[in-house]
Amino acid sequence: MTGPAADRAPSLARLCAVVLLPFSFGYFLSYLFRAVNAALAPDIVRDLGLGPSILGVLTAAYLLPFALFQPVLGALLDRFGPRRVQAAMLCVAALGGVLFSLGRDAVTLTAARALIGLGFSGGLMSSFKAIALWFPPERGPLAASMVSAIGGLGILMATRPADMLSQAMGWRFVFVALAGVVALAAIVILLVVPERRGGAAPATLRRHLSDLGLIYRDRLFWRLTPMICATLGTYIAVQTLWVGGWLRDVAGYSREDAAWLMLTMAVGFSVGTLSMGVVADRLLKRGVSVMATVFGTQALYFLAQLGLVLQWIPAAPVLWIVFGTMGNVGVLTYPLLSQHFGQALAGRSNTSVNLLLFGVAFAIQSLIGVVVEFWAGGTGAATGQAFDSRGYQVAFGALLAAQLMSVAWYWYSGRRGAQT
């Protein structure tokens, strides 16, 4: 749909049907692929004999190209629109899924996992760009939370359902089947989503670099981004791999019990993300800022992590459910940046954050594996033994400290800015 018909103001229900749901489905698949290794790790480790550090790097390989492509992605979204860009990127992800299903060694699987990450690098950002183009600004946080909630269902499918399918058909079948679904999603986006541009003329390379410089010099950007990277980066790294290891090695859960708890966490993710968006939307109408909602939720998120660091095993189900429910609250800050920089820079401002976020998540996910292996003393999943719980305690404790420091920076930089 192009021309005047595309520029009319459709109803909110129609926007959800033809814009929000197709992009949300792409993000659903992105999260499914991002998190599925947490459930399938025992099968992959058994077949290839991997240690925790290699498993961490292999899984985190999704995140590095995801991060590095963000500046290019932002320019593509602002120039060509989210519809065409997301459809093309999903085709790349589907190819990566097929290659992963065929891999016979860690190097091949790592390369395929990186290709999957590259293909899914537009999942959330294309959704946010579509929201900036189609939705009124005051509904941005609610629409963003709806996308994230639907994406969270991908985490749900990556837990017990993926585990059961892997045990019945093999993990290779899981990946090739998912690749077919991703290709179908690309077709749906092309056929269903209407075309709409932001109205700005395509930027030259020089203008593009100038715009990126404007974003990276912005005070609000550097006030919010460290907190987003620390909190969401920790959530992504732990939720998509190491929660399963903690449940097995620290709490002594069986594979089935761990998968069921991760499924419950995924339900909590979707319910919590959507609820936070609704609450933020309602409170905003009453004069309560979005950031107040974010900080109230983060307090519970940090308390849950403190319990995990202290390894309160009897409370483990509650702690992990709170972690899964509250961990994605930082997503509510993305529309704030879109509004701050304006529609023309919405894609590049959000992808500039994502470049740093997923770079941090890659480092966290990899380093957790290094720390766990250091404490393991050469034993662990590759030999069928549990890793030393102290490795998790040290890694999770350091991450909690970093997150608290990022919140302190937000408040300090805000006060400093008010004084200048």
Foldseek 3Di string as FASTA:
>chain_A
DDDPVVPDADDPVLCCVQALVLLLVLLLLLLLLLQLCQLCVLVVCQQALDALLLSLLLSLLLLQLLLVCLLVQLLCCQAVNLLVLLLVLLLQLLVLLLQCLVDRYSVSSSVSSNSNSNSSSCSLLSSLLSCQFRPPLLLSLLSSLQSQLSSLVSLLCSFQVLNVCCVVPNNSVVSNVSSVVSNVSSVSSNVRHDDDHPPDHRDDPVVSVVVLVVLVVDLVLVLLLLLCQLLLLVLSLCLRHVQSLCCCQQLVDDSNVSRVLSSLLSNLLSVLSNVLSVVQSVVVVVVDHLVVSLVVLVVQLLVLLVCVLVSPNVCVSVSSSSNSNRRVSSSSCLSVQCVVSDSSSSSSNSSVSSSSNSVSSSVLSSVLSVLQVVQQVPDDSSNPDRTDSVSVSVSSVVSSVSSVVSVVSSVVSVVVVVVD
